[in-house]
Amino acid sequence: MKPIIGVTTVTHRYERGTITKVSTNFANAISKGGAVPLHIPILKTKEQAREILSVIDALVISGGDESVHPNVLRPTLLKAPCLLLSRA
């Protein structure tokens, strides 16, 4: 079974409603790497988050400096610990 990689989304509110979106670059890169991307909207409860975490193998938190124009701010590399998840 291919690993499932969750990707967080961004919420935008408009007069006609609310949408969530994420760059296709994330899904394309995950697919190219042999995994299945799963876009994750903003969740309302801890139980929903636990359910999602029980079905994904890893989580990509999208957003950050890469969305800023390089002439405005240079992207930074954050040093974060790697957390390995295992599905039950």
PDB file of N, CA and C in Angstrom:
ATOM      1  N   MET A   1       0.841  -1.177   0.000  1.00  0.00           N
ATOM      2  CA  MET A   1       0.000   0.000   0.000  1.00  0.00           C
ATOM      3  C   MET A   1       0.890   1.247   0.000  1.00  0.00           C
ATOM      4  N   LYS A   2       0.526   2.223  -0.832  1.00  0.00           N
ATOM      5  CA  LYS A   2       1.284   3.476  -0.911  1.00  0.00           C
ATOM      6  C   LYS A   2       1.043   4.305   0.358  1.00  0.00           C
ATOM      7  N   PRO A   3       2.075   5.034   0.791  1.00  0.00           N
ATOM      8  CA  PRO A   3       1.871   5.906   1.947  1.00  0.00           C
ATOM      9  C   PRO A   3       0.924   7.052   1.608  1.00  0.00           C
ATOM     10  N   ILE A   4       0.169   7.483   2.598  1.00  0.00           N
ATOM     11  CA  ILE A   4      -0.756   8.610   2.445  1.00  0.00           C
ATOM     12  C   ILE A   4      -0.151   9.799   3.180  1.00  0.00           C
ATOM     13  N   ILE A   5       0.013  10.903   2.436  1.00  0.00           N
ATOM     14  CA  ILE A   5       0.623  12.107   2.981  1.00  0.00           C
ATOM     15  C   ILE A   5      -0.437  13.201   3.054  1.00  0.00           C
ATOM     16  N   GLY A   6      -0.756  13.644   4.254  1.00  0.00           N
ATOM     17  CA  GLY A   6      -1.709  14.736   4.443  1.00  0.00           C
ATOM     18  C   GLY A   6      -1.054  16.069   4.165  1.00  0.00           C
ATOM     19  N   VAL A   7      -1.807  16.983   3.548  1.00  0.00           N
ATOM     20  CA  VAL A   7      -1.322  18.338   3.254  1.00  0.00           C
ATOM     21  C   VAL A   7      -2.354  19.332   3.778  1.00  0.00           C
ATOM     22  N   THR A   8      -1.917  20.250   4.641  1.00  0.00           N
ATOM     23  CA  THR A   8      -2.858  21.244   5.153  1.00  0.00           C
ATOM     24  C   THR A   8      -3.264  22.217   4.051  1.00  0.00           C
ATOM     25  N   THR A   9      -4.450  22.776   4.186  1.00  0.00           N
ATOM     26  CA  THR A   9      -4.979  23.715   3.195  1.00  0.00           C
ATOM     27  C   THR A   9      -5.149  25.097   3.807  1.00  0.00           C
ATOM     28  N   VAL A  10      -5.454  26.058   2.954  1.00  0.00           N
ATOM     29  CA  VAL A  10      -5.710  27.437   3.364  1.00  0.00           C
ATOM     30  C   VAL A  10      -7.185  27.723   3.117  1.00  0.00           C
ATOM     31  N   THR A  11      -7.809  28.456   4.012  1.00  0.00           N
ATOM     32  CA  THR A  11      -9.218  28.813   3.867  1.00  0.00           C
ATOM     33  C   THR A  11      -9.338  30.260   3.421  1.00  0.00           C
ATOM     34  N   HIS A  12     -10.198  30.479   2.415  1.00  0.00           N
ATOM     35  CA  HIS A  12     -10.497  31.831   1.940  1.00  0.00           C
ATOM     36  C   HIS A  12     -12.007  32.044   2.027  1.00  0.00           C
ATOM     37  N   ARG A  13     -12.393  33.162   2.612  1.00  0.00           N
ATOM     38  CA  ARG A  13     -13.818  33.485   2.725  1.00  0.00           C
ATOM     39  C   ARG A  13     -14.186  34.519   1.662  1.00  0.00           C
ATOM     40  N   TYR A  14     -15.286  34.268   0.977  1.00  0.00           N
ATOM     41  CA  TYR A  14     -15.798  35.160  -0.045  1.00  0.00           C
ATOM     42  C   TYR A  14     -17.259  35.446   0.264  1.00  0.00           C
ATOM     43  N   GLU A  15     -17.845  36.403  -0.444  1.00  0.00           N
ATOM     44  CA  GLU A  15     -19.263  36.724  -0.238  1.00  0.00           C
ATOM     45  C   GLU A  15     -20.150  35.496  -0.433  1.00  0.00           C
ATOM     46  N   ARG A  16     -19.805  34.658  -1.395  1.00  0.00           N
ATOM     47  CA  ARG A  16     -20.647  33.517  -1.744  1.00  0.00           C
ATOM     48  C   ARG A  16     -20.324  32.258  -0.958  1.00  0.00           C
ATOM     49  N   GLY A  17     -19.323  32.313  -0.089  1.00  0.00           N
ATOM     50  CA  GLY A  17     -18.997  31.131   0.690  1.00  0.00           C
ATOM     51  C   GLY A  17     -17.516  31.053   1.027  1.00  0.00           C
ATOM     52  N   THR A  18     -17.118  29.904   1.499  1.00  0.00           N
ATOM     53  CA  THR A  18     -15.737  29.665   1.915  1.00  0.00           C
ATOM     54  C   THR A  18     -15.167  28.517   1.095  1.00  0.00           C
ATOM     55  N   ILE A  19     -13.910  28.660   0.686  1.00  0.00           N
ATOM     56  CA  ILE A  19     -13.229  27.580  -0.023  1.00  0.00           C
ATOM     57  C   ILE A  19     -11.919  27.263   0.692  1.00  0.00           C
ATOM     58  N   THR A  20     -11.454  26.037   0.506  1.00  0.00           N
ATOM     59  CA  THR A  20     -10.123  25.679   0.964  1.00  0.00           C
ATOM     60  C   THR A  20      -9.308  25.323  -0.264  1.00  0.00           C
ATOM     61  N   LYS A  21      -8.012  25.640  -0.209  1.00  0.00           N
ATOM     62  CA  LYS A  21      -7.169  25.334  -1.364  1.00  0.00           C
ATOM     63  C   LYS A  21      -5.740  25.078  -0.909  1.00  0.00           C
ATOM     64  N   VAL A  22      -4.988  24.462  -1.808  1.00  0.00           N
ATOM     65  CA  VAL A  22      -3.569  24.207  -1.595  1.00  0.00           C
ATOM     66  C   VAL A  22      -2.912  24.164  -2.972  1.00  0.00           C
ATOM     67  N   SER A  23      -1.663  24.525  -3.049  1.00  0.00           N
ATOM     68  CA  SER A  23      -0.949  24.514  -4.325  1.00  0.00           C
ATOM     69  C   SER A  23      -0.875  23.086  -4.877  1.00  0.00           C
ATOM     70  N   THR A  24      -1.080  22.952  -6.173  1.00  0.00           N
ATOM     71  CA  THR A  24      -0.963  21.633  -6.801  1.00  0.00           C
ATOM     72  C   THR A  24       0.471  21.125  -6.757  1.00  0.00           C
ATOM     73  N   ASN A  25       1.432  22.010  -6.504  1.00  0.00           N
ATOM     74  CA  ASN A  25       2.827  21.580  -6.406  1.00  0.00           C
ATOM     75  C   ASN A  25       3.008  20.529  -5.315  1.00  0.00           C
ATOM     76  N   PHE A  26       2.298  20.682  -4.204  1.00  0.00           N
ATOM     77  CA  PHE A  26       2.405  19.705  -3.121  1.00  0.00           C
ATOM     78  C   PHE A  26       1.915  18.333  -3.584  1.00  0.00           C
ATOM     79  N   ALA A  27       0.723  18.282  -4.165  1.00  0.00           N
ATOM     80  CA  ALA A  27       0.160  17.012  -4.621  1.00  0.00           C
ATOM     81  C   ALA A  27       1.021  16.382  -5.701  1.00  0.00           C
ATOM     82  N   ASN A  28       1.510  17.188  -6.620  1.00  0.00           N
ATOM     83  CA  ASN A  28       2.349  16.658  -7.698  1.00  0.00           C
ATOM     84  C   ASN A  28       3.640  16.055  -7.157  1.00  0.00           C
ATOM     85  N   ALA A  29       4.271  16.748  -6.219  1.00  0.00           N
ATOM     86  CA  ALA A  29       5.535  16.252  -5.656  1.00  0.00           C
ATOM     87  C   ALA A  29       5.308  14.977  -4.857  1.00  0.00           C
ATOM     88  N   ILE A  30       4.239  14.930  -4.090  1.00  0.00           N
ATOM     89  CA  ILE A  30       3.924  13.738  -3.289  1.00  0.00           C
ATOM     90  C   ILE A  30       3.633  12.558  -4.199  1.00  0.00           C
ATOM     91  N   SER A  31       2.838  12.780  -5.238  1.00  0.00           N
ATOM     92  CA  SER A  31       2.523  11.711  -6.194  1.00  0.00           C
ATOM     93  C   SER A  31       3.776  11.227  -6.913  1.00  0.00           C
ATOM     94  N   LYS A  32       4.610  12.165  -7.326  1.00  0.00           N
ATOM     95  CA  LYS A  32       5.854  11.814  -8.025  1.00  0.00           C
ATOM     96  C   LYS A  32       6.757  10.968  -7.129  1.00  0.00           C
ATOM     97  N   GLY A  33       6.671  11.201  -5.825  1.00  0.00           N
ATOM     98  CA  GLY A  33       7.457  10.438  -4.869  1.00  0.00           C
ATOM     99  C   GLY A  33       6.868   9.078  -4.537  1.00  0.00           C
ATOM    100  N   GLY A  34       5.723   8.750  -5.143  1.00  0.00           N
ATOM    101  CA  GLY A  34       5.135   7.428  -4.945  1.00  0.00           C
ATOM    102  C   GLY A  34       4.118   7.333  -3.825  1.00  0.00           C
ATOM    103  N   ALA A  35       3.684   8.468  -3.299  1.00  0.00           N
ATOM    104  CA  ALA A  35       2.692   8.466  -2.221  1.00  0.00           C
ATOM    105  C   ALA A  35       1.365   9.029  -2.727  1.00  0.00           C
ATOM    106  N   VAL A  36       0.362   8.997  -1.870  1.00  0.00           N
ATOM    107  CA  VAL A  36      -0.965   9.516  -2.192  1.00  0.00           C
ATOM    108  C   VAL A  36      -1.200  10.780  -1.370  1.00  0.00           C
ATOM    109  N   PRO A  37      -1.434  11.935  -2.042  1.00  0.00           N
ATOM    110  CA  PRO A  37      -1.697  13.163  -1.292  1.00  0.00           C
ATOM    111  C   PRO A  37      -3.142  13.210  -0.793  1.00  0.00           C
ATOM    112  N   LEU A  38      -3.326  13.736   0.404  1.00  0.00           N
ATOM    113  CA  LEU A  38      -4.663  13.905   0.971  1.00  0.00           C
ATOM    114  C   LEU A  38      -4.756  15.332   1.498  1.00  0.00           C
ATOM    115  N   HIS A  39      -5.556  16.160   0.840  1.00  0.00           N
ATOM    116  CA  HIS A  39      -5.711  17.551   1.262  1.00  0.00           C
ATOM    117  C   HIS A  39      -6.596  17.586   2.502  1.00  0.00           C
ATOM    118  N   ILE A  40      -6.124  18.283   3.533  1.00  0.00           N
ATOM    119  CA  ILE A  40      -6.825  18.325   4.814  1.00  0.00           C
ATOM    120  C   ILE A  40      -7.327  19.742   5.069  1.00  0.00           C
ATOM    121  N   PRO A  41      -8.647  19.928   5.129  1.00  0.00           N
ATOM    122  CA  PRO A  41      -9.184  21.256   5.440  1.00  0.00           C
ATOM    123  C   PRO A  41      -9.003  21.558   6.929  1.00  0.00           C
ATOM    124  N   ILE A  42      -9.354  22.774   7.343  1.00  0.00           N
ATOM    125  CA  ILE A  42      -9.324  23.109   8.758  1.00  0.00           C
ATOM    126  C   ILE A  42     -10.379  22.253   9.456  1.00  0.00           C
ATOM    127  N   LEU A  43      -9.973  21.596  10.514  1.00  0.00           N
ATOM    128  CA  LEU A  43     -10.864  20.697  11.239  1.00  0.00           C
ATOM    129  C   LEU A  43     -11.441  21.408  12.458  1.00  0.00           C
ATOM    130  N   LYS A  44     -12.647  21.022  12.830  1.00  0.00           N
ATOM    131  CA  LYS A  44     -13.330  21.710  13.924  1.00  0.00           C
ATOM    132  C   LYS A  44     -13.123  21.065  15.284  1.00  0.00           C
ATOM    133  N   THR A  45     -12.783  19.774  15.306  1.00  0.00           N
ATOM    134  CA  THR A  45     -12.664  19.102  16.600  1.00  0.00           C
ATOM    135  C   THR A  45     -11.369  18.291  16.680  1.00  0.00           C
ATOM    136  N   LYS A  46     -10.958  18.002  17.909  1.00  0.00           N
ATOM    137  CA  LYS A  46      -9.795  17.150  18.126  1.00  0.00           C
ATOM    138  C   LYS A  46     -10.077  15.739  17.620  1.00  0.00           C
ATOM    139  N   GLU A  47     -11.316  15.297  17.733  1.00  0.00           N
ATOM    140  CA  GLU A  47     -11.682  13.955  17.249  1.00  0.00           C
ATOM    141  C   GLU A  47     -11.478  13.850  15.739  1.00  0.00           C
ATOM    142  N   GLN A  48     -11.838  14.883  14.990  1.00  0.00           N
ATOM    143  CA  GLN A  48     -11.602  14.881  13.546  1.00  0.00           C
ATOM    144  C   GLN A  48     -10.109  14.798  13.258  1.00  0.00           C
ATOM    145  N   ALA A  49      -9.324  15.551  14.019  1.00  0.00           N
ATOM    146  CA  ALA A  49      -7.870  15.520  13.823  1.00  0.00           C
ATOM    147  C   ALA A  49      -7.319  14.130  14.121  1.00  0.00           C
ATOM    148  N   ARG A  50      -7.795  13.495  15.169  1.00  0.00           N
ATOM    149  CA  ARG A  50      -7.340  12.132  15.499  1.00  0.00           C
ATOM    150  C   ARG A  50      -7.693  11.154  14.379  1.00  0.00           C
ATOM    151  N   GLU A  51      -8.878  11.306  13.808  1.00  0.00           N
ATOM    152  CA  GLU A  51      -9.296  10.429  12.704  1.00  0.00           C
ATOM    153  C   GLU A  51      -8.367  10.590  11.510  1.00  0.00           C
ATOM    154  N   ILE A  52      -8.060  11.838  11.156  1.00  0.00           N
ATOM    155  CA  ILE A  52      -7.157  12.084  10.032  1.00  0.00           C
ATOM    156  C   ILE A  52      -5.776  11.518  10.328  1.00  0.00           C
ATOM    157  N   LEU A  53      -5.269  11.780  11.526  1.00  0.00           N
ATOM    158  CA  LEU A  53      -3.935  11.282  11.885  1.00  0.00           C
ATOM    159  C   LEU A  53      -3.867   9.762  11.888  1.00  0.00           C
ATOM    160  N   SER A  54      -5.002   9.101  12.081  1.00  0.00           N
ATOM    161  CA  SER A  54      -5.000   7.635  12.089  1.00  0.00           C
ATOM    162  C   SER A  54      -4.912   7.030  10.689  1.00  0.00           C
ATOM    163  N   VAL A  55      -5.137   7.853   9.647  1.00  0.00           N
ATOM    164  CA  VAL A  55      -5.101   7.307   8.285  1.00  0.00           C
ATOM    165  C   VAL A  55      -3.946   7.823   7.439  1.00  0.00           C
ATOM    166  N   ILE A  56      -3.199   8.812   7.940  1.00  0.00           N
ATOM    167  CA  ILE A  56      -2.075   9.316   7.154  1.00  0.00           C
ATOM    168  C   ILE A  56      -0.754   8.793   7.718  1.00  0.00           C
ATOM    169  N   ASP A  57       0.238   8.761   6.846  1.00  0.00           N
ATOM    170  CA  ASP A  57       1.568   8.311   7.241  1.00  0.00           C
ATOM    171  C   ASP A  57       2.497   9.473   7.564  1.00  0.00           C
ATOM    172  N   ALA A  58       2.187  10.657   7.043  1.00  0.00           N
ATOM    173  CA  ALA A  58       2.995  11.851   7.294  1.00  0.00           C
ATOM    174  C   ALA A  58       2.124  13.066   7.037  1.00  0.00           C
ATOM    175  N   LEU A  59       2.594  14.229   7.486  1.00  0.00           N
ATOM    176  CA  LEU A  59       1.834  15.465   7.343  1.00  0.00           C
ATOM    177  C   LEU A  59       2.745  16.571   6.826  1.00  0.00           C
ATOM    178  N   VAL A  60       2.304  17.242   5.768  1.00  0.00           N
ATOM    179  CA  VAL A  60       2.998  18.417   5.248  1.00  0.00           C
ATOM    180  C   VAL A  60       2.173  19.629   5.664  1.00  0.00           C
ATOM    181  N   ILE A  61       2.804  20.537   6.401  1.00  0.00           N
ATOM    182  CA  ILE A  61       2.125  21.765   6.794  1.00  0.00           C
ATOM    183  C   ILE A  61       2.510  22.814   5.764  1.00  0.00           C
ATOM    184  N   SER A  62       1.549  23.125   4.881  1.00  0.00           N
ATOM    185  CA  SER A  62       1.825  24.035   3.771  1.00  0.00           C
ATOM    186  C   SER A  62       1.828  25.482   4.245  1.00  0.00           C
ATOM    187  N   GLY A  63       2.413  26.341   3.409  1.00  0.00           N
ATOM    188  CA  GLY A  63       2.467  27.757   3.737  1.00  0.00           C
ATOM    189  C   GLY A  63       3.842  28.132   4.252  1.00  0.00           C
ATOM    190  N   GLY A  64       4.007  29.384   4.560  1.00  0.00           N
ATOM    191  CA  GLY A  64       5.285  29.841   5.083  1.00  0.00           C
ATOM    192  C   GLY A  64       5.998  30.742   4.105  1.00  0.00           C
ATOM    193  N   ASP A  65       7.302  30.872   4.288  1.00  0.00           N
ATOM    194  CA  ASP A  65       8.094  31.826   3.518  1.00  0.00           C
ATOM    195  C   ASP A  65       8.086  31.589   2.018  1.00  0.00           C
ATOM    196  N   GLU A  66       7.844  30.354   1.563  1.00  0.00           N
ATOM    197  CA  GLU A  66       7.931  30.104   0.127  1.00  0.00           C
ATOM    198  C   GLU A  66       6.861  30.850  -0.651  1.00  0.00           C
ATOM    199  N   SER A  67       5.824  31.339   0.031  1.00  0.00           N
ATOM    200  CA  SER A  67       4.772  32.075  -0.667  1.00  0.00           C
ATOM    201  C   SER A  67       5.102  33.568  -0.789  1.00  0.00           C
ATOM    202  N   VAL A  68       6.204  33.995  -0.182  1.00  0.00           N
ATOM    203  CA  VAL A  68       6.603  35.397  -0.218  1.00  0.00           C
ATOM    204  C   VAL A  68       7.548  35.608  -1.398  1.00  0.00           C
ATOM    205  N   HIS A  69       7.371  36.699  -2.097  1.00  0.00           N
ATOM    206  CA  HIS A  69       8.226  37.006  -3.247  1.00  0.00           C
ATOM    207  C   HIS A  69       9.679  37.104  -2.781  1.00  0.00           C
ATOM    208  N   PRO A  70      10.618  36.487  -3.514  1.00  0.00           N
ATOM    209  CA  PRO A  70      12.016  36.465  -3.073  1.00  0.00           C
ATOM    210  C   PRO A  70      12.648  37.839  -2.909  1.00  0.00           C
ATOM    211  N   ASN A  71      12.141  38.871  -3.607  1.00  0.00           N
ATOM    212  CA  ASN A  71      12.698  40.217  -3.449  1.00  0.00           C
ATOM    213  C   ASN A  71      12.238  40.885  -2.158  1.00  0.00           C
ATOM    214  N   VAL A  72      11.184  40.346  -1.559  1.00  0.00           N
ATOM    215  CA  VAL A  72      10.652  40.924  -0.327  1.00  0.00           C
ATOM    216  C   VAL A  72      11.283  40.270   0.894  1.00  0.00           C
ATOM    217  N   LEU A  73      11.373  38.962   0.875  1.00  0.00           N
ATOM    218  CA  LEU A  73      11.912  38.229   2.016  1.00  0.00           C
ATOM    219  C   LEU A  73      12.546  36.946   1.522  1.00  0.00           C
ATOM    220  N   ARG A  74      13.740  36.679   1.947  1.00  0.00           N
ATOM    221  CA  ARG A  74      14.391  35.428   1.560  1.00  0.00           C
ATOM    222  C   ARG A  74      13.790  34.282   2.344  1.00  0.00           C
ATOM    223  N   PRO A  75      13.464  33.181   1.665  1.00  0.00           N
ATOM    224  CA  PRO A  75      12.933  32.024   2.391  1.00  0.00           C
ATOM    225  C   PRO A  75      13.946  31.509   3.410  1.00  0.00           C
ATOM    226  N   THR A  76      13.437  31.040   4.510  1.00  0.00           N
ATOM    227  CA  THR A  76      14.292  30.485   5.548  1.00  0.00           C
ATOM    228  C   THR A  76      14.048  28.993   5.657  1.00  0.00           C
ATOM    229  N   LEU A  77      15.040  28.297   6.129  1.00  0.00           N
ATOM    230  CA  LEU A  77      14.912  26.868   6.343  1.00  0.00           C
ATOM    231  C   LEU A  77      14.734  26.647   7.834  1.00  0.00           C
ATOM    232  N   LEU A  78      13.573  26.153   8.205  1.00  0.00           N
ATOM    233  CA  LEU A  78      13.306  25.892   9.608  1.00  0.00           C
ATOM    234  C   LEU A  78      13.807  24.509   9.971  1.00  0.00           C
ATOM    235  N   LYS A  79      14.484  24.407  11.075  1.00  0.00           N
ATOM    236  CA  LYS A  79      14.960  23.117  11.545  1.00  0.00           C
ATOM    237  C   LYS A  79      13.924  22.561  12.512  1.00  0.00           C
ATOM    238  N   ALA A  80      13.191  21.584  12.054  1.00  0.00           N
ATOM    239  CA  ALA A  80      12.148  20.977  12.876  1.00  0.00           C
ATOM    240  C   ALA A  80      12.424  19.489  12.999  1.00  0.00           C
ATOM    241  N   PRO A  81      12.058  18.921  14.127  1.00  0.00           N
ATOM    242  CA  PRO A  81      12.263  17.477  14.270  1.00  0.00           C
ATOM    243  C   PRO A  81      11.359  16.712  13.313  1.00  0.00           C
ATOM    244  N   CYS A  82      11.826  15.595  12.836  1.00  0.00           N
ATOM    245  CA  CYS A  82      11.027  14.730  11.965  1.00  0.00           C
ATOM    246  C   CYS A  82      10.232  13.789  12.839  1.00  0.00           C
ATOM    247  N   LEU A  83       8.935  13.793  12.679  1.00  0.00           N
ATOM    248  CA  LEU A  83       8.074  12.915  13.451  1.00  0.00           C
ATOM    249  C   LEU A  83       7.578  11.795  12.553  1.00  0.00           C
ATOM    250  N   LEU A  84       7.765  10.578  12.950  1.00  0.00           N
ATOM    251  CA  LEU A  84       7.283   9.442  12.176  1.00  0.00           C
ATOM    252  C   LEU A  84       5.961   8.969  12.754  1.00  0.00           C
ATOM    253  N   LEU A  85       4.970   8.885  11.881  1.00  0.00           N
ATOM    254  CA  LEU A  85       3.643   8.426  12.301  1.00  0.00           C
ATOM    255  C   LEU A  85       3.457   6.998  11.829  1.00  0.00           C
ATOM    256  N   SER A  86       2.699   6.238  12.571  1.00  0.00           N
ATOM    257  CA  SER A  86       2.356   4.893  12.081  1.00  0.00           C
ATOM    258  C   SER A  86       0.851   4.716  12.208  1.00  0.00           C
ATOM    259  N   ARG A  87       0.272   4.210  11.147  1.00  0.00           N
ATOM    260  CA  ARG A  87      -1.168   3.969  11.151  1.00  0.00           C
ATOM    261  C   ARG A  87      -1.485   2.774  12.023  1.00  0.00           C
ATOM    262  N   ALA A  88      -2.577   2.860  12.745  1.00  0.00           N
ATOM    263  CA  ALA A  88      -3.003   1.753  13.607  1.00  0.00           C
ATOM    264  C   ALA A  88      -3.544   0.599  12.795  1.00  0.00           C
TER     265      ALA A  88
END
